[in-house]
Amino acid sequence: MEKRTTGIIDLDRVTQGGLPAGQTTLVLGEAAAGKTVLALQVLARAIEQGGAGVFVSFEESPAQIRQDAASFNWGKNLIEADSLEVIDARPRLSAETAGEFDLEGLLSIVTATSRQKGAAWIVFDGIDQLLRHQVEHNAAINQIRRVDEACAENGWTLLLTGKTRHDGIEPFHLEGIEFLLSATIMLSARIVDQQLNRSLRIAKFRGSAHVTDELPMLIDDDGIALPYHYGNENDNIEASNERLSLGVERLDALLGGGIYRGSSLLISGRPGTAKSTLAARFAETAVTRGQKTLYISFDELEGPYVRNLQSVGINLRDPIEAGQVRFQTLSAYAARVTEHFLVIRRLLDDFEPDCLVIDPISALLKASATEGAEMATERLIDMVRRRGITTLLTSLTGVRDPEGEATQGQISTLADSWIVLDYNVRGGERNRSLSIVKSRGSGHSNQQRELLLSSEGIDLADVYEDGGEVLMGTARVERAQQDEARARREQLEWKQRRNDLERRIAQAEKERERLAQTLELEAEEYNEATRLDEQWRNRIRRRRDPATRNPEDRDGFDDN
């Protein structure tokens, strides 16, 4: 099937390429569901790409149509474009019908106009307002059939909007036309928790694969958006082996050198356990690596937030002013989950960060939505993962969750690494603790550590155990002092032992030298005695040998 892109990236994605070219697409919905906005936005995008369009209105005047379009960012270019023609086809208020009528005259006008403008996009907005005057239902159906034939003859891609009953696919006054046309898009608007929730569903798309789910839909200054179905993301993101520091050396060591670039980390814990402090340290450390960070804080204003971090030695003010960190405050109650998701998505598109911090992601649970916060968090983690953004999320756990490990929204199952912060209460003290629940692809410690905060920053205390329990606070300090005293005592004992051994070695060395001298003297005496003895023996041998005896060599000896 040949398709024509609508220019609405989200819609083109769920339709896998746009709407059927040369055919009619039926757009049905309740009042305020966004039918006219969808049609106008498609025309605006077509004109931006150098195309043209014809808008035939059966409900509103051309002035009202232009006024509606002007409220959107793309509206001015649309209403000032010469390539747009708006045709007023509203029935007169005093009009009375007698018998059947047809649309041939209108189709002739539209055909001439489209050829003059070179328009491929045609919109029939609210045609049910005209065809409800058709006495015979079959005649109305035949008129729609004739419109669809005109599309094929002229190569139009036509949007036919109409009203429908609540939660139904059958349009008012035009029951049965949904079976004639190739594609049907259903728009709905429902009130949930006193807020308007819009959605879009492709009820029918003959001959083409498409997303069949009912999709949350938003309308803001940019027009229609499907927050969870954005443009194509990278499906083949390379798994990096680079480790990124969290800014706490001992914590990095516990994680095998930090977290992987492009992975996600969840830090959960009760209020006051230093989740935000760890998140801010991560952002500050990312700046030292030359990486940009998008920092989203729910319900916390930038000024107090940054000021409070200075008390623990974290400076986010300078990187914010330098544009290395973009701090964005969002109010959880002020918008629905899908609106928050769309804001975050657009911030990511605009800032293109290397790292993302959301503090806390659990705030989305306070926002209203028909689809719940679980979908938003799941989509968010999937999106940043495909973009290769290293993400740190914090999540608030309640007092009814003493283990601190049951995060709402199923975030913990999605994140690559999970750190739990909690309080350790013992001996009248409340100390912060940290433990690593999981870290995919990394060997990590499963031992609970004490988290220390001071004006010099964040650190983890050394581990001191007592009967299998990790000591914290005063108990840890006392054990540390005992261990230090024992170490000093052992050092002193070793020093004394070493001195004694060195003294004994010195004495032994002196004795060895004395014995060596004695040995040397005795060797000299032995050698001299041996020499004299040999000399004496030689003399005796010469006297007894007449051939060699010297008469004067008697030396008082008698030869006998």
Protein backbone atom coordinates (compact mmCIF):
# COMPACT_ATOMS: atom_id res chain seq x y z
CA MET A 1 0.00 0.00 0.00
CA GLU A 2 1.23 3.44 -0.91
CA LYS A 3 1.20 5.79 2.07
CA ARG A 4 1.54 9.51 2.46
CA THR A 5 3.33 10.77 5.56
CA THR A 6 1.30 13.11 7.74
CA GLY A 7 4.29 15.05 9.06
CA ILE A 8 3.15 14.20 12.61
CA ILE A 9 6.06 11.99 13.58
CA ASP A 10 4.20 10.14 16.30
CA LEU A 11 1.25 9.37 14.02
CA ASP A 12 3.50 8.28 11.16
CA ARG A 13 5.22 5.89 13.56
CA VAL A 14 2.04 4.15 14.75
CA THR A 15 0.72 3.94 11.19
CA GLN A 16 4.14 2.77 10.00
CA GLY A 17 4.52 5.39 7.34
CA GLY A 18 1.41 7.56 7.15
CA LEU A 19 -2.12 7.32 5.81
CA PRO A 20 -3.21 5.54 2.63
CA ALA A 21 -2.55 7.67 -0.48
CA GLY A 22 -5.42 8.02 -2.93
CA GLN A 23 -7.93 6.85 -0.32
CA THR A 24 -10.13 8.18 2.44
CA THR A 25 -9.33 7.91 6.12
CA LEU A 26 -12.26 8.21 8.50
CA VAL A 27 -11.51 10.18 11.69
CA LEU A 28 -14.20 9.71 14.32
CA GLY A 29 -14.51 11.09 17.78
CA GLU A 30 -16.53 12.89 20.42
CA ALA A 31 -16.67 16.60 20.83
CA ALA A 32 -13.26 18.07 21.84
CA ALA A 33 -11.46 14.84 20.94
CA GLY A 34 -9.18 16.68 18.48
CA LYS A 35 -10.55 15.72 15.05
CA THR A 36 -10.27 19.21 13.51
CA VAL A 37 -6.88 19.83 15.12
CA LEU A 38 -5.55 16.59 13.66
CA ALA A 39 -6.75 17.56 10.20
CA LEU A 40 -5.37 21.11 10.39
CA GLN A 41 -2.01 19.87 11.69
CA VAL A 42 -1.69 17.40 8.81
CA LEU A 43 -2.34 20.26 6.36
CA ALA A 44 0.16 22.50 8.17
CA ARG A 45 2.90 19.88 7.97
CA ALA A 46 2.15 19.23 4.30
CA ILE A 47 2.42 22.94 3.49
CA GLU A 48 5.69 23.17 5.46
CA GLN A 49 7.05 20.50 3.13
CA GLY A 50 6.01 22.51 0.06
CA GLY A 51 2.66 20.83 -0.47
CA ALA A 52 -0.88 22.21 -0.54
CA GLY A 53 -4.26 21.36 0.96
CA VAL A 54 -7.97 21.99 0.78
CA PHE A 55 -10.07 22.21 3.93
CA VAL A 56 -13.82 21.81 3.45
CA SER A 57 -15.74 22.78 6.54
CA PHE A 58 -19.31 21.64 7.21
CA GLU A 59 -19.47 23.01 10.77
CA GLU A 60 -17.34 26.11 11.31
CA SER A 61 -16.84 29.22 9.24
CA PRO A 62 -13.47 29.80 7.51
CA ALA A 63 -12.79 32.57 10.03
CA GLN A 64 -13.38 30.17 12.92
CA ILE A 65 -11.12 27.59 11.29
CA ARG A 66 -8.32 30.11 10.93
CA GLN A 67 -8.84 31.28 14.50
CA ASP A 68 -8.60 27.72 15.74
CA ALA A 69 -5.39 27.15 13.81
CA ALA A 70 -3.82 30.40 15.01
CA SER A 71 -3.65 29.08 18.59
CA PHE A 72 -0.95 26.56 17.60
CA ASN A 73 2.72 27.18 16.85
CA TRP A 74 2.23 26.03 13.26
CA GLY A 75 -1.04 27.95 12.82
CA LYS A 76 0.31 31.25 11.52
CA ASN A 77 2.17 29.69 8.63
CA LEU A 78 -0.90 27.62 7.80
CA ILE A 79 -3.47 30.41 7.67
CA GLU A 80 -1.11 32.76 5.78
CA ALA A 81 -0.19 30.13 3.19
CA ASP A 82 -1.48 30.63 -0.36
CA SER A 83 -1.35 26.87 -0.80
CA LEU A 84 -4.26 26.39 1.64
CA GLU A 85 -7.85 26.81 0.50
CA VAL A 86 -10.69 26.78 3.03
CA ILE A 87 -14.12 26.09 1.54
CA ASP A 88 -17.24 26.95 3.50
CA ALA A 89 -19.66 24.05 2.88
CA ARG A 90 -21.95 24.60 5.83
CA PRO A 91 -25.64 24.05 5.20
CA ARG A 92 -27.66 27.20 5.58
CA LEU A 93 -29.52 27.55 8.87
CA SER A 94 -32.80 27.98 7.06
CA ALA A 95 -32.13 25.20 4.58
CA GLU A 96 -34.81 22.58 4.15
CA THR A 97 -34.39 19.37 2.23
CA ALA A 98 -36.83 17.58 0.05
CA GLY A 99 -35.70 14.26 -1.29
CA GLU A 100 -32.14 13.18 -1.95
CA PHE A 101 -29.21 15.36 -2.91
CA ASP A 102 -25.61 14.61 -3.91
CA LEU A 103 -22.10 16.05 -3.49
CA GLU A 104 -21.17 16.22 -7.15
CA GLY A 105 -21.19 19.99 -7.19
CA LEU A 106 -18.97 20.17 -4.13
CA LEU A 107 -16.62 17.54 -5.51
CA SER A 108 -16.30 19.54 -8.72
CA ILE A 109 -15.28 22.62 -6.74
CA VAL A 110 -12.80 20.66 -4.64
CA THR A 111 -11.35 18.98 -7.72
CA ALA A 112 -10.83 22.29 -9.47
CA THR A 113 -9.33 23.86 -6.38
CA SER A 114 -6.99 20.95 -5.67
CA ARG A 115 -5.72 21.00 -9.24
CA GLN A 116 -5.19 24.75 -9.07
CA LYS A 117 -3.28 24.49 -5.77
CA GLY A 118 -1.61 21.17 -6.52
CA ALA A 119 -3.11 19.81 -3.32
CA ALA A 120 -2.74 16.15 -2.37
CA TRP A 121 -4.34 16.53 1.08
CA ILE A 122 -8.09 17.12 1.33
CA VAL A 123 -10.12 17.45 4.53
CA PHE A 124 -13.90 17.09 4.84
CA ASP A 125 -14.49 18.27 8.39
CA GLY A 126 -17.83 17.36 9.99
CA ILE A 127 -19.52 16.02 6.91
CA ASP A 128 -22.14 14.42 9.14
CA GLN A 129 -23.63 17.90 9.60
CA LEU A 130 -24.53 17.87 5.92
CA LEU A 131 -25.45 14.24 5.41
CA ARG A 132 -27.81 14.19 8.39
CA HIS A 133 -30.15 16.08 6.11
CA GLN A 134 -30.09 13.17 3.70
CA VAL A 135 -33.44 11.49 4.06
CA GLU A 136 -32.31 8.08 2.90
CA HIS A 137 -29.47 6.52 4.87
CA ASN A 138 -28.31 4.51 1.87
CA ALA A 139 -28.09 7.70 -0.15
CA ALA A 140 -25.73 9.16 2.44
CA ILE A 141 -23.59 6.05 2.31
CA ASN A 142 -23.46 6.29 -1.46
CA GLN A 143 -22.29 9.88 -1.21
CA ILE A 144 -19.33 8.77 0.92
CA ARG A 145 -18.60 6.05 -1.59
CA ARG A 146 -18.55 8.70 -4.32
CA VAL A 147 -16.12 10.81 -2.24
CA ASP A 148 -13.80 7.82 -1.87
CA GLU A 149 -13.91 7.23 -5.62
CA ALA A 150 -12.95 10.86 -6.19
CA CYS A 151 -9.89 10.28 -3.98
CA ALA A 152 -8.76 7.43 -6.19
CA GLU A 153 -9.42 9.42 -9.36
CA ASN A 154 -7.49 12.48 -8.21
CA GLY A 155 -4.83 10.88 -6.02
CA TRP A 156 -6.07 12.65 -2.88
CA THR A 157 -5.38 11.57 0.64
CA LEU A 158 -8.62 12.61 2.29
CA LEU A 159 -9.46 12.97 5.97
CA LEU A 160 -13.17 12.60 6.64
CA THR A 161 -14.08 13.63 10.17
CA GLY A 162 -17.31 12.81 11.92
CA LYS A 163 -18.84 12.37 15.33
CA THR A 164 -19.46 9.12 17.05
CA ARG A 165 -21.25 7.78 20.02
CA HIS A 166 -19.30 7.37 23.24
CA ASP A 167 -16.97 4.33 23.07
CA GLY A 168 -18.47 3.33 19.74
CA ILE A 169 -17.08 3.16 16.23
CA GLU A 170 -20.35 3.89 14.47
CA PRO A 171 -20.59 7.51 13.33
CA PHE A 172 -23.74 9.56 13.72
CA HIS A 173 -25.90 9.60 10.58
CA LEU A 174 -23.29 7.58 8.67
CA GLU A 175 -23.57 4.12 10.16
CA GLY A 176 -21.87 1.62 7.90
CA ILE A 177 -19.32 3.84 6.17
CA GLU A 178 -16.58 2.51 8.43
CA PHE A 179 -16.84 -0.72 6.45
CA LEU A 180 -16.35 1.07 3.13
CA LEU A 181 -13.15 2.96 3.88
CA SER A 182 -9.62 1.60 4.23
CA ALA A 183 -8.63 3.31 7.47
CA THR A 184 -10.44 4.52 10.55
CA ILE A 185 -8.92 6.51 13.40
CA MET A 186 -10.85 6.81 16.64
CA LEU A 187 -10.29 9.78 18.94
CA SER A 188 -11.79 9.97 22.41
CA ALA A 189 -11.97 12.45 25.26
CA ARG A 190 -12.84 11.24 28.76
CA ILE A 191 -12.83 12.88 32.16
CA VAL A 192 -10.65 11.01 34.68
CA ASP A 193 -10.04 12.46 38.13
CA GLN A 194 -11.56 15.72 36.95
CA GLN A 195 -9.04 15.98 34.12
CA LEU A 196 -9.60 15.56 30.39
CA ASN A 197 -7.81 12.51 28.97
CA ARG A 198 -7.57 12.15 25.20
CA SER A 199 -6.60 9.03 23.32
CA LEU A 200 -6.13 7.79 19.76
CA ARG A 201 -6.77 4.34 18.39
CA ILE A 202 -6.36 3.03 14.88
CA ALA A 203 -9.55 1.02 14.62
CA LYS A 204 -8.91 -0.11 11.07
CA PHE A 205 -6.05 0.06 8.56
CA ARG A 206 -6.73 -2.30 5.70
CA GLY A 207 -3.61 -3.88 4.14
CA SER A 208 -1.07 -2.41 6.55
CA ALA A 209 0.47 -3.28 9.88
CA HIS A 210 -0.13 -0.67 12.59
CA VAL A 211 -0.25 -0.16 16.34
CA THR A 212 -3.62 -1.37 17.59
CA ASP A 213 -3.46 -0.12 21.19
CA GLU A 214 -5.43 2.83 22.48
CA LEU A 215 -2.72 5.46 22.79
CA PRO A 216 -2.68 8.45 25.15
CA MET A 217 -2.86 11.64 23.10
CA LEU A 218 -2.03 15.22 24.07
CA ILE A 219 -2.87 18.52 22.45
CA ASP A 220 -0.70 21.49 23.34
CA ASP A 221 0.81 24.46 21.51
CA ASP A 222 2.61 22.10 19.14
CA GLY A 223 -0.62 20.30 18.29
CA ILE A 224 -1.23 16.59 18.62
CA ALA A 225 1.39 14.32 20.15
CA LEU A 226 1.41 10.65 21.09
CA PRO A 227 3.94 10.79 23.94
CA TYR A 228 4.79 7.11 24.05
CA HIS A 229 5.22 6.63 20.31
CA TYR A 230 7.99 8.93 19.23
CA GLY A 231 10.20 8.74 16.21
CA ASN A 232 12.49 5.82 15.52
CA GLU A 233 15.11 5.33 18.20
CA ASN A 234 18.34 3.44 17.92
CA ASP A 235 17.55 -0.26 18.22
CA ASN A 236 21.20 -1.33 18.05
CA ILE A 237 22.77 0.73 20.78
CA GLU A 238 26.24 -0.59 21.57
CA ALA A 239 26.71 -1.90 25.10
CA SER A 240 29.53 0.16 26.58
CA ASN A 241 32.10 -1.35 28.94
CA GLU A 242 33.07 2.07 30.26
CA ARG A 243 32.39 2.59 33.94
CA LEU A 244 31.11 5.95 35.16
CA SER A 245 31.85 7.14 38.66
CA LEU A 246 29.03 8.12 41.02
CA GLY A 247 31.37 10.55 42.76
CA VAL A 248 31.87 8.40 45.86
CA GLU A 249 35.06 6.41 45.58
CA ARG A 250 34.12 3.64 47.98
CA LEU A 251 30.68 3.25 46.39
CA ASP A 252 32.31 2.98 42.97
CA ALA A 253 34.54 0.23 44.36
CA LEU A 254 31.49 -1.69 45.64
CA LEU A 255 29.98 -1.52 42.13
CA GLY A 256 33.13 -2.80 40.48
CA GLY A 257 34.26 0.66 39.35
CA GLY A 258 30.94 2.48 38.90
CA ILE A 259 27.92 1.95 36.68
CA TYR A 260 28.09 1.25 32.95
CA ARG A 261 27.70 4.15 30.55
CA GLY A 262 24.19 4.12 29.14
CA SER A 263 22.74 2.03 31.99
CA SER A 264 20.11 3.04 34.54
CA LEU A 265 20.47 3.25 38.31
CA LEU A 266 17.60 3.40 40.81
CA ILE A 267 18.22 4.80 44.30
CA SER A 268 15.25 4.17 46.59
CA GLY A 269 14.74 5.03 50.20
CA ARG A 270 12.68 6.80 52.81
CA PRO A 271 12.67 10.60 53.17
CA GLY A 272 15.96 12.02 54.40
CA THR A 273 18.14 9.06 53.48
CA ALA A 274 20.25 11.18 51.05
CA LYS A 275 18.79 10.06 47.72
CA SER A 276 18.95 13.58 46.30
CA THR A 277 22.47 14.07 47.62
CA LEU A 278 23.75 10.99 45.82
CA ALA A 279 21.92 12.04 42.66
CA ALA A 280 23.45 15.51 42.78
CA ARG A 281 26.92 14.07 43.36
CA PHE A 282 26.45 11.95 40.26
CA ALA A 283 25.51 15.04 38.22
CA GLU A 284 28.43 17.04 39.61
CA THR A 285 30.84 14.21 38.77
CA ALA A 286 29.44 13.95 35.23
CA VAL A 287 30.37 17.60 34.70
CA THR A 288 34.00 16.84 35.56
CA ARG A 289 33.95 14.28 32.72
CA GLY A 290 32.67 16.94 30.33
CA GLN A 291 29.18 15.39 30.15
CA LYS A 292 25.89 17.29 30.09
CA THR A 293 23.17 16.37 32.58
CA LEU A 294 19.44 17.01 32.47
CA TYR A 295 18.32 17.31 36.09
CA ILE A 296 14.56 17.03 36.67
CA SER A 297 13.25 17.69 40.12
CA PHE A 298 9.64 17.06 41.01
CA ASP A 299 8.16 19.61 43.41
CA GLU A 300 11.58 21.04 44.44
CA LEU A 301 12.55 24.52 43.27
CA GLU A 302 16.00 25.07 41.87
CA GLY A 303 17.16 27.77 44.31
CA PRO A 304 16.58 25.96 47.63
CA TYR A 305 17.58 22.64 46.11
CA VAL A 306 20.98 23.88 44.95
CA ARG A 307 21.54 25.85 48.16
CA ASN A 308 20.90 22.82 50.37
CA LEU A 309 23.38 20.72 48.41
CA GLN A 310 26.17 23.17 49.23
CA SER A 311 25.96 22.05 52.87
CA VAL A 312 27.39 18.68 51.83
CA GLY A 313 30.03 20.12 49.54
CA ILE A 314 28.11 19.76 46.24
CA ASN A 315 28.15 22.67 43.83
CA LEU A 316 25.55 22.56 41.07
CA ARG A 317 25.28 26.33 40.72
CA ASP A 318 28.36 26.76 38.56
CA PRO A 319 27.56 23.95 36.06
CA ILE A 320 23.95 25.20 35.82
CA GLU A 321 25.13 28.70 34.97
CA ALA A 322 27.69 27.25 32.53
CA GLY A 323 24.97 25.30 30.74
CA GLN A 324 26.46 21.92 31.62
CA VAL A 325 23.48 21.04 33.82
CA ARG A 326 19.91 21.95 32.91
CA PHE A 327 17.74 22.01 36.02
CA GLN A 328 14.01 21.64 35.40
CA THR A 329 11.37 21.74 38.10
CA LEU A 330 8.08 19.95 37.43
CA SER A 331 5.00 19.90 39.63
CA ALA A 332 3.63 16.39 39.90
CA TYR A 333 0.05 17.54 40.55
CA ALA A 334 0.01 20.16 37.80
CA ALA A 335 -0.12 17.75 34.88
CA ARG A 336 -0.96 14.22 33.93
CA VAL A 337 1.62 11.46 33.59
CA THR A 338 1.58 11.64 29.81
CA GLU A 339 2.14 15.39 29.90
CA HIS A 340 5.14 14.95 32.19
CA PHE A 341 6.49 12.28 29.88
CA LEU A 342 6.10 14.54 26.85
CA VAL A 343 7.87 17.41 28.63
CA ILE A 344 10.79 15.13 29.54
CA ARG A 345 10.94 13.78 26.00
CA ARG A 346 11.11 17.27 24.53
CA LEU A 347 13.76 18.32 27.04
CA LEU A 348 15.83 15.31 25.99
CA ASP A 349 15.35 16.21 22.33
CA ASP A 350 16.36 19.82 22.92
CA PHE A 351 19.25 19.47 25.42
CA GLU A 352 20.63 16.11 24.20
CA PRO A 353 22.21 15.22 27.56
CA ASP A 354 24.72 12.49 28.31
CA CYS A 355 23.16 11.86 31.72
CA LEU A 356 19.65 12.16 33.13
CA VAL A 357 18.59 12.56 36.76
CA ILE A 358 14.93 12.42 37.86
CA ASP A 359 14.39 13.09 41.54
CA PRO A 360 12.11 11.36 42.41
CA ILE A 361 10.52 9.32 39.62
CA SER A 362 7.97 8.06 42.16
CA ALA A 363 6.35 11.52 42.05
CA LEU A 364 4.65 10.40 38.84
CA LEU A 365 2.43 8.23 41.02
CA LYS A 366 0.79 11.41 42.30
CA ALA A 367 -0.14 12.53 38.80
CA SER A 368 -3.41 11.39 37.30
CA ALA A 369 -3.59 9.23 34.21
CA THR A 370 -5.75 6.52 32.77
CA GLU A 371 -2.75 4.38 31.85
CA GLY A 372 -0.88 4.80 35.15
CA ALA A 373 2.68 5.74 35.97
CA GLU A 374 4.05 2.26 35.27
CA MET A 375 3.76 2.74 31.52
CA ALA A 376 5.43 6.15 31.72
CA THR A 377 8.43 4.86 33.67
CA GLU A 378 8.77 1.81 31.46
CA ARG A 379 8.66 3.93 28.30
CA LEU A 380 11.03 6.47 29.78
CA ILE A 381 13.69 3.91 30.71
CA ASP A 382 13.37 2.29 27.29
CA MET A 383 13.74 5.65 25.53
CA VAL A 384 16.85 6.81 27.40
CA ARG A 385 18.41 3.35 27.06
CA ARG A 386 18.02 3.47 23.29
CA ARG A 387 19.59 6.94 23.27
CA GLY A 388 22.57 5.75 25.32
CA ILE A 389 21.83 8.16 28.17
CA THR A 390 23.13 7.17 31.59
CA THR A 391 20.19 7.59 33.94
CA LEU A 392 19.82 7.92 37.69
CA LEU A 393 16.32 7.73 39.16
CA THR A 394 15.38 8.16 42.79
CA SER A 395 12.25 6.67 44.31
CA LEU A 396 10.57 7.41 47.61
CA THR A 397 9.56 4.47 49.77
CA GLY A 398 7.13 4.76 52.67
CA VAL A 399 7.20 3.98 56.36
CA ARG A 400 4.92 1.03 55.69
CA ASP A 401 7.73 -0.52 53.74
CA PRO A 402 10.36 -1.12 56.43
CA GLU A 403 12.60 -3.08 54.13
CA GLY A 404 12.73 -0.14 51.77
CA GLU A 405 12.97 -2.44 48.79
CA ALA A 406 9.45 -2.45 47.36
CA THR A 407 9.42 0.44 44.94
CA GLN A 408 6.14 1.35 43.41
CA GLY A 409 5.74 1.53 39.69
CA GLN A 410 7.91 -1.55 39.09
CA ILE A 411 10.90 0.70 38.52
CA SER A 412 13.21 -1.63 40.38
CA THR A 413 12.65 -4.41 37.87
CA LEU A 414 13.51 -2.12 34.96
CA ALA A 415 16.65 -0.44 36.28
CA ASP A 416 20.04 -2.06 35.64
CA SER A 417 21.33 -1.27 39.14
CA TRP A 418 19.46 -0.70 42.37
CA ILE A 419 20.74 0.90 45.56
CA VAL A 420 18.58 1.00 48.70
CA LEU A 421 19.07 3.66 51.35
CA ASP A 422 17.56 3.26 54.79
CA TYR A 423 17.92 4.10 58.46
CA ASN A 424 19.69 1.87 60.94
CA VAL A 425 18.27 2.49 64.42
CA ARG A 426 20.33 1.17 67.32
CA GLY A 427 21.19 2.40 70.80
CA GLY A 428 19.04 5.51 70.43
CA GLU A 429 20.73 6.51 67.18
CA ARG A 430 19.43 6.76 63.60
CA ASN A 431 22.16 6.29 61.00
CA ARG A 432 21.91 6.15 57.22
CA SER A 433 22.69 2.85 55.56
CA LEU A 434 23.35 1.83 51.98
CA SER A 435 23.12 -1.54 50.31
CA ILE A 436 23.32 -2.68 46.69
CA VAL A 437 20.40 -4.90 45.74
CA LYS A 438 21.45 -5.57 42.18
CA SER A 439 23.90 -4.44 39.53
CA ARG A 440 23.55 -6.24 36.23
CA GLY A 441 26.82 -7.31 34.66
CA SER A 442 28.86 -6.54 37.76
CA GLY A 443 30.07 -8.37 40.80
CA HIS A 444 29.12 -6.27 43.80
CA SER A 445 29.13 -6.34 47.56
CA ASN A 446 25.93 -7.41 49.31
CA GLN A 447 27.02 -5.97 52.66
CA GLN A 448 25.20 -3.05 54.21
CA ARG A 449 27.34 0.07 54.67
CA GLU A 450 26.95 3.22 56.70
CA LEU A 451 26.50 6.33 54.58
CA LEU A 452 28.24 9.41 55.95
CA LEU A 453 27.35 13.01 55.11
CA SER A 454 29.50 15.95 56.11
CA SER A 455 30.49 19.37 54.86
CA GLU A 456 33.29 17.64 53.00
CA GLY A 457 30.89 15.46 51.04
CA ILE A 458 29.66 11.88 50.97
CA ASP A 459 31.52 8.76 51.98
CA LEU A 460 31.00 5.22 53.17
CA ALA A 461 32.30 4.13 56.56
CA ASP A 462 34.57 1.17 57.10
CA VAL A 463 32.76 -2.02 57.98
CA TYR A 464 32.83 -3.15 61.61
CA GLU A 465 30.93 -6.27 62.49
CA ASP A 466 29.67 -7.59 65.79
CA GLY A 467 28.20 -11.06 65.77
CA GLY A 468 27.40 -10.83 62.07
CA GLU A 469 25.84 -7.36 62.37
CA VAL A 470 27.39 -4.30 60.76
CA LEU A 471 27.97 -1.63 63.40
CA MET A 472 27.04 1.98 62.67
CA GLY A 473 27.23 5.33 64.43
CA THR A 474 28.62 5.42 67.94
CA ALA A 475 28.94 1.64 68.08
CA ARG A 476 31.08 1.77 64.96
CA VAL A 477 33.20 4.61 66.38
CA GLU A 478 33.72 2.71 69.65
CA ARG A 479 34.71 -0.42 67.77
CA ALA A 480 37.01 1.65 65.59
CA GLN A 481 38.67 3.12 68.70
CA GLN A 482 39.05 -0.34 70.24
CA ASP A 483 40.54 -1.66 67.04
CA GLU A 484 42.87 1.34 66.86
CA ALA A 485 44.02 0.83 70.46
CA ARG A 486 44.58 -2.85 69.84
CA ALA A 487 46.51 -2.04 66.72
CA ARG A 488 48.72 0.42 68.63
CA ARG A 489 49.29 -2.15 71.39
CA GLU A 490 50.18 -4.83 68.88
CA GLN A 491 52.49 -2.42 67.14
CA LEU A 492 54.24 -1.60 70.41
CA GLU A 493 54.59 -5.29 71.28
CA TRP A 494 56.01 -6.00 67.90
CA LYS A 495 58.47 -3.13 68.26
CA GLN A 496 59.69 -4.50 71.59
CA ARG A 497 59.98 -7.98 70.18
CA ARG A 498 61.89 -6.66 67.23
CA ASN A 499 64.31 -4.72 69.45
CA ASP A 500 64.96 -7.84 71.52
CA LEU A 501 65.61 -9.91 68.45
CA GLU A 502 67.89 -7.23 67.02
CA ARG A 503 69.83 -7.11 70.30
CA ARG A 504 70.23 -10.87 70.32
CA ILE A 505 71.31 -10.79 66.70
CA ALA A 506 73.96 -8.15 67.60
CA GLN A 507 75.27 -10.30 70.46
CA ALA A 508 75.44 -13.30 68.24
CA GLU A 509 77.31 -11.25 65.65
CA LYS A 510 79.92 -10.22 68.24
CA GLU A 511 80.37 -13.83 69.35
CA ARG A 512 80.76 -14.87 65.75
CA GLU A 513 83.47 -12.24 65.23
CA ARG A 514 85.31 -13.38 68.40
CA LEU A 515 85.21 -17.00 67.36
CA ALA A 516 86.36 -16.04 63.87
CA GLN A 517 89.38 -14.25 65.33
CA THR A 518 90.17 -17.27 67.54
CA LEU A 519 89.88 -19.51 64.56
CA GLU A 520 92.22 -17.29 62.60
CA LEU A 521 94.86 -17.31 65.41
CA GLU A 522 94.70 -21.03 65.84
CA ALA A 523 95.04 -21.47 62.10
CA GLU A 524 98.16 -19.29 62.10
CA GLU A 525 99.68 -21.25 65.00
CA TYR A 526 98.94 -24.50 63.26
CA ASN A 527 100.50 -23.32 60.02
CA GLU A 528 103.66 -22.11 61.80
CA ALA A 529 104.05 -25.38 63.71
CA THR A 530 103.60 -27.29 60.51
CA ARG A 531 106.25 -25.18 58.78
CA LEU A 532 108.81 -25.65 61.58
CA ASP A 533 108.16 -29.30 61.71
CA GLU A 534 108.73 -29.61 57.98
CA GLN A 535 111.89 -27.57 58.20
CA TRP A 536 113.22 -29.88 60.91
CA ARG A 537 112.46 -32.94 58.90
CA ASN A 538 114.27 -31.54 55.87
CA ARG A 539 117.44 -30.94 57.82
CA ILE A 540 117.45 -34.43 59.13
CA ARG A 541 117.06 -35.85 55.63
CA ARG A 542 119.99 -33.76 54.31
CA ARG A 543 122.40 -34.88 57.08
CA ARG A 544 121.59 -38.49 56.48
CA ASP A 545 122.25 -38.12 52.76
CA PRO A 546 126.11 -37.93 52.18
CA ALA A 547 125.67 -36.58 48.69
CA THR A 548 123.88 -33.55 49.92
CA ARG A 549 125.30 -33.18 53.46
CA ASN A 550 127.17 -29.94 54.14
CA PRO A 551 130.03 -30.38 56.60
CA GLU A 552 129.37 -27.06 58.09
CA ASP A 553 125.75 -27.87 58.51
CA ARG A 554 125.94 -29.67 61.76
CA ASP A 555 123.98 -27.33 63.97
CA GLY A 556 125.18 -29.26 66.96
CA PHE A 557 123.64 -32.44 65.71
CA ASP A 558 125.42 -35.72 65.79
CA ASP A 559 125.07 -37.69 62.55
CA ASN A 560 125.04 -40.88 64.62
